[in-house]
Amino acid sequence: MYVVYLNYFRPVEEVEALLAPHIAWLDRYFASGAFIAAGRKEPRTGGMVMVKEMPRDELDAILAEDPFVAVANYDVTKVNVTRAGEDFAGLTGI
């Protein structure tokens, strides 16, 4: 799986202007099963998306569709989950 951190490089007003299409993008990939979890950072300097295992070029293509590319940088970390709580056991070994 991947953990993707978004880090805003533009003022929050510009981020807010793109929030509705960003949420539509999130909804599309949650519905497809690609996204596991997402949320804002606190303080609000960006966000985080957990993404299921997939080829990295596929993930890069998905991230390129996010309207937030105009206001945020993406820091992608591949994680090989080896332990998880009972509710997250499906994340191990993938």
N, C-alpha and C. Protein backbone atom coordinates (compact mmCIF):
# COMPACT_ATOMS: atom_id res chain seq x y z
N MET A 1 0.84 -1.18 0.00
CA MET A 1 0.00 0.00 0.00
C MET A 1 0.88 1.23 0.00
N TYR A 2 0.26 2.38 -0.17
CA TYR A 2 0.97 3.65 -0.17
C TYR A 2 0.33 4.61 0.82
N VAL A 3 1.17 5.46 1.40
CA VAL A 3 0.69 6.60 2.16
C VAL A 3 1.14 7.83 1.38
N VAL A 4 0.18 8.66 1.01
CA VAL A 4 0.46 9.85 0.22
C VAL A 4 0.17 11.06 1.09
N TYR A 5 1.19 11.88 1.32
CA TYR A 5 1.01 13.12 2.07
C TYR A 5 0.95 14.27 1.09
N LEU A 6 -0.09 15.08 1.21
CA LEU A 6 -0.21 16.30 0.42
C LEU A 6 0.25 17.45 1.29
N ASN A 7 1.09 18.30 0.72
CA ASN A 7 1.62 19.47 1.42
C ASN A 7 1.30 20.71 0.60
N TYR A 8 0.45 21.57 1.15
CA TYR A 8 0.04 22.77 0.42
C TYR A 8 1.22 23.71 0.22
N PHE A 9 1.33 24.23 -1.00
CA PHE A 9 2.33 25.26 -1.29
C PHE A 9 1.67 26.57 -1.71
N ARG A 10 0.36 26.59 -1.72
CA ARG A 10 -0.41 27.80 -2.04
C ARG A 10 -1.27 28.17 -0.82
N PRO A 11 -1.75 29.41 -0.76
CA PRO A 11 -2.59 29.82 0.38
C PRO A 11 -3.87 28.98 0.48
N VAL A 12 -4.36 28.84 1.70
CA VAL A 12 -5.53 28.01 1.96
C VAL A 12 -6.75 28.48 1.18
N GLU A 13 -6.84 29.75 0.86
CA GLU A 13 -7.96 30.25 0.05
C GLU A 13 -7.97 29.59 -1.33
N GLU A 14 -6.80 29.37 -1.90
CA GLU A 14 -6.71 28.69 -3.19
C GLU A 14 -7.04 27.21 -3.04
N VAL A 15 -6.66 26.62 -1.93
CA VAL A 15 -7.01 25.23 -1.64
C VAL A 15 -8.52 25.10 -1.54
N GLU A 16 -9.16 25.99 -0.78
CA GLU A 16 -10.62 25.96 -0.60
C GLU A 16 -11.35 26.05 -1.93
N ALA A 17 -10.83 26.83 -2.87
CA ALA A 17 -11.47 27.01 -4.17
C ALA A 17 -11.51 25.70 -4.96
N LEU A 18 -10.60 24.78 -4.65
CA LEU A 18 -10.53 23.50 -5.36
C LEU A 18 -11.08 22.33 -4.55
N LEU A 19 -11.66 22.63 -3.39
CA LEU A 19 -12.09 21.57 -2.48
C LEU A 19 -13.19 20.68 -3.07
N ALA A 20 -14.20 21.25 -3.67
CA ALA A 20 -15.30 20.44 -4.22
C ALA A 20 -14.81 19.47 -5.29
N PRO A 21 -14.03 19.91 -6.28
CA PRO A 21 -13.55 18.93 -7.26
C PRO A 21 -12.56 17.92 -6.66
N HIS A 22 -11.80 18.34 -5.65
CA HIS A 22 -10.90 17.40 -4.97
C HIS A 22 -11.70 16.31 -4.27
N ILE A 23 -12.79 16.69 -3.61
CA ILE A 23 -13.64 15.70 -2.93
C ILE A 23 -14.29 14.77 -3.95
N ALA A 24 -14.68 15.28 -5.10
CA ALA A 24 -15.24 14.42 -6.16
C ALA A 24 -14.19 13.42 -6.63
N TRP A 25 -12.95 13.85 -6.75
CA TRP A 25 -11.84 12.96 -7.11
C TRP A 25 -11.66 11.87 -6.05
N LEU A 26 -11.65 12.27 -4.77
CA LEU A 26 -11.56 11.29 -3.68
C LEU A 26 -12.71 10.29 -3.76
N ASP A 27 -13.93 10.79 -3.92
CA ASP A 27 -15.11 9.93 -3.98
C ASP A 27 -14.99 8.89 -5.10
N ARG A 28 -14.49 9.32 -6.26
CA ARG A 28 -14.35 8.41 -7.40
C ARG A 28 -13.41 7.25 -7.06
N TYR A 29 -12.29 7.56 -6.40
CA TYR A 29 -11.32 6.51 -6.12
C TYR A 29 -11.65 5.71 -4.85
N PHE A 30 -12.43 6.26 -3.94
CA PHE A 30 -12.98 5.43 -2.86
C PHE A 30 -13.98 4.43 -3.45
N ALA A 31 -14.83 4.89 -4.36
CA ALA A 31 -15.83 4.02 -4.98
C ALA A 31 -15.18 2.90 -5.78
N SER A 32 -14.03 3.18 -6.39
CA SER A 32 -13.34 2.16 -7.19
C SER A 32 -12.58 1.16 -6.32
N GLY A 33 -12.41 1.49 -5.02
CA GLY A 33 -11.67 0.62 -4.12
C GLY A 33 -10.19 0.93 -4.04
N ALA A 34 -9.72 1.95 -4.75
CA ALA A 34 -8.29 2.29 -4.76
C ALA A 34 -7.86 2.96 -3.46
N PHE A 35 -8.74 3.78 -2.88
CA PHE A 35 -8.38 4.52 -1.67
C PHE A 35 -8.92 3.81 -0.43
N ILE A 36 -8.12 3.82 0.62
CA ILE A 36 -8.45 3.16 1.88
C ILE A 36 -8.94 4.16 2.92
N ALA A 37 -8.25 5.29 3.01
CA ALA A 37 -8.59 6.33 3.99
C ALA A 37 -8.00 7.64 3.52
N ALA A 38 -8.57 8.75 4.01
CA ALA A 38 -8.05 10.08 3.66
C ALA A 38 -8.47 11.07 4.74
N GLY A 39 -7.72 12.15 4.85
CA GLY A 39 -8.08 13.19 5.80
C GLY A 39 -7.12 14.36 5.77
N ARG A 40 -7.51 15.42 6.46
CA ARG A 40 -6.69 16.64 6.56
C ARG A 40 -5.65 16.49 7.66
N LYS A 41 -4.53 17.17 7.46
CA LYS A 41 -3.54 17.27 8.53
C LYS A 41 -4.00 18.32 9.52
N GLU A 42 -3.51 18.21 10.74
CA GLU A 42 -3.78 19.22 11.76
C GLU A 42 -2.44 19.65 12.34
N PRO A 43 -1.99 20.88 12.17
CA PRO A 43 -2.71 21.99 11.57
C PRO A 43 -2.89 21.77 10.06
N ARG A 44 -3.76 22.55 9.47
CA ARG A 44 -4.17 22.34 8.09
C ARG A 44 -3.10 22.82 7.11
N THR A 45 -2.12 21.97 6.92
CA THR A 45 -1.03 22.25 5.98
C THR A 45 -1.05 21.29 4.80
N GLY A 46 -2.06 20.42 4.76
CA GLY A 46 -2.16 19.42 3.71
C GLY A 46 -3.08 18.30 4.13
N GLY A 47 -2.84 17.12 3.59
CA GLY A 47 -3.67 15.99 3.90
C GLY A 47 -2.93 14.69 3.69
N MET A 48 -3.67 13.57 3.78
CA MET A 48 -3.09 12.25 3.66
C MET A 48 -4.11 11.34 2.99
N VAL A 49 -3.61 10.47 2.11
CA VAL A 49 -4.44 9.45 1.48
C VAL A 49 -3.71 8.12 1.60
N MET A 50 -4.41 7.10 2.10
CA MET A 50 -3.90 5.73 2.09
C MET A 50 -4.46 5.05 0.85
N VAL A 51 -3.57 4.41 0.09
CA VAL A 51 -3.93 3.84 -1.21
C VAL A 51 -3.58 2.36 -1.24
N LYS A 52 -4.46 1.55 -1.80
CA LYS A 52 -4.20 0.11 -1.89
C LYS A 52 -3.00 -0.15 -2.79
N GLU A 53 -2.48 -1.36 -2.70
CA GLU A 53 -1.35 -1.77 -3.55
C GLU A 53 -1.74 -1.70 -5.02
N MET A 54 -0.85 -1.13 -5.82
CA MET A 54 -1.04 -1.03 -7.26
C MET A 54 0.32 -0.66 -7.86
N PRO A 55 0.49 -0.81 -9.15
CA PRO A 55 1.74 -0.35 -9.76
C PRO A 55 1.91 1.16 -9.54
N ARG A 56 3.15 1.57 -9.31
CA ARG A 56 3.41 2.97 -9.00
C ARG A 56 2.98 3.89 -10.13
N ASP A 57 3.14 3.49 -11.38
CA ASP A 57 2.74 4.35 -12.48
C ASP A 57 1.22 4.57 -12.50
N GLU A 58 0.47 3.56 -12.06
CA GLU A 58 -0.99 3.72 -11.94
C GLU A 58 -1.33 4.74 -10.86
N LEU A 59 -0.65 4.66 -9.73
CA LEU A 59 -0.86 5.64 -8.67
C LEU A 59 -0.50 7.04 -9.15
N ASP A 60 0.61 7.18 -9.83
CA ASP A 60 1.02 8.49 -10.33
C ASP A 60 -0.03 9.08 -11.27
N ALA A 61 -0.63 8.23 -12.11
CA ALA A 61 -1.69 8.71 -13.02
C ALA A 61 -2.91 9.17 -12.24
N ILE A 62 -3.28 8.45 -11.19
CA ILE A 62 -4.41 8.85 -10.35
C ILE A 62 -4.12 10.18 -9.67
N LEU A 63 -2.93 10.33 -9.09
CA LEU A 63 -2.58 11.57 -8.41
C LEU A 63 -2.57 12.76 -9.37
N ALA A 64 -2.16 12.53 -10.60
CA ALA A 64 -2.12 13.61 -11.60
C ALA A 64 -3.52 14.14 -11.92
N GLU A 65 -4.57 13.35 -11.65
CA GLU A 65 -5.94 13.79 -11.89
C GLU A 65 -6.49 14.68 -10.77
N ASP A 66 -5.84 14.69 -9.63
CA ASP A 66 -6.34 15.45 -8.47
C ASP A 66 -6.25 16.95 -8.76
N PRO A 67 -7.36 17.68 -8.62
CA PRO A 67 -7.31 19.13 -8.81
C PRO A 67 -6.31 19.82 -7.87
N PHE A 68 -5.99 19.19 -6.74
CA PHE A 68 -5.04 19.79 -5.80
C PHE A 68 -3.61 19.82 -6.33
N VAL A 69 -3.34 19.24 -7.50
CA VAL A 69 -1.97 19.35 -8.05
C VAL A 69 -1.59 20.81 -8.24
N ALA A 70 -2.58 21.69 -8.35
CA ALA A 70 -2.30 23.12 -8.52
C ALA A 70 -1.93 23.81 -7.21
N VAL A 71 -2.16 23.14 -6.07
CA VAL A 71 -1.94 23.79 -4.77
C VAL A 71 -1.13 22.95 -3.79
N ALA A 72 -0.78 21.72 -4.16
CA ALA A 72 -0.10 20.84 -3.22
C ALA A 72 0.97 20.01 -3.90
N ASN A 73 2.00 19.67 -3.15
CA ASN A 73 3.00 18.68 -3.54
C ASN A 73 2.62 17.36 -2.90
N TYR A 74 3.05 16.26 -3.52
CA TYR A 74 2.72 14.92 -3.04
C TYR A 74 3.99 14.20 -2.63
N ASP A 75 3.97 13.64 -1.43
CA ASP A 75 5.07 12.83 -0.91
C ASP A 75 4.53 11.42 -0.78
N VAL A 76 4.99 10.50 -1.65
CA VAL A 76 4.46 9.14 -1.71
C VAL A 76 5.43 8.19 -1.03
N THR A 77 4.92 7.40 -0.09
CA THR A 77 5.71 6.39 0.60
C THR A 77 5.06 5.03 0.42
N LYS A 78 5.81 4.07 -0.11
CA LYS A 78 5.31 2.69 -0.22
C LYS A 78 5.53 2.02 1.13
N VAL A 79 4.50 1.34 1.63
CA VAL A 79 4.55 0.67 2.92
C VAL A 79 4.19 -0.80 2.71
N ASN A 80 5.06 -1.69 3.16
CA ASN A 80 4.77 -3.12 3.14
C ASN A 80 4.27 -3.48 4.53
N VAL A 81 2.96 -3.50 4.69
CA VAL A 81 2.35 -3.73 6.00
C VAL A 81 2.57 -5.19 6.39
N THR A 82 3.21 -5.39 7.55
CA THR A 82 3.46 -6.74 8.04
C THR A 82 2.66 -7.05 9.29
N ARG A 83 2.16 -6.04 9.97
CA ARG A 83 1.32 -6.22 11.16
C ARG A 83 0.21 -5.21 11.12
N ALA A 84 -0.97 -5.63 11.60
CA ALA A 84 -2.12 -4.73 11.64
C ALA A 84 -3.09 -5.23 12.69
N GLY A 85 -3.87 -4.30 13.24
CA GLY A 85 -4.94 -4.68 14.15
C GLY A 85 -5.99 -5.49 13.40
N GLU A 86 -6.84 -6.15 14.15
CA GLU A 86 -7.85 -7.04 13.57
C GLU A 86 -8.68 -6.37 12.47
N ASP A 87 -9.08 -5.14 12.69
CA ASP A 87 -9.90 -4.44 11.71
C ASP A 87 -9.16 -4.12 10.42
N PHE A 88 -7.83 -4.19 10.46
CA PHE A 88 -7.00 -3.84 9.30
C PHE A 88 -6.18 -5.02 8.79
N ALA A 89 -6.51 -6.22 9.19
CA ALA A 89 -5.74 -7.40 8.82
C ALA A 89 -5.64 -7.57 7.30
N GLY A 90 -6.61 -7.10 6.56
CA GLY A 90 -6.57 -7.20 5.10
C GLY A 90 -5.46 -6.41 4.45
N LEU A 91 -4.83 -5.51 5.20
CA LEU A 91 -3.74 -4.69 4.64
C LEU A 91 -2.40 -5.41 4.67
N THR A 92 -2.29 -6.48 5.44
CA THR A 92 -1.00 -7.16 5.58
C THR A 92 -0.74 -8.06 4.38
N GLY A 93 0.52 -8.10 4.01
CA GLY A 93 0.94 -8.99 2.93
C GLY A 93 0.52 -8.58 1.55
N ILE A 94 0.05 -7.33 1.39
CA ILE A 94 -0.35 -6.89 0.05
C ILE A 94 0.61 -5.85 -0.47
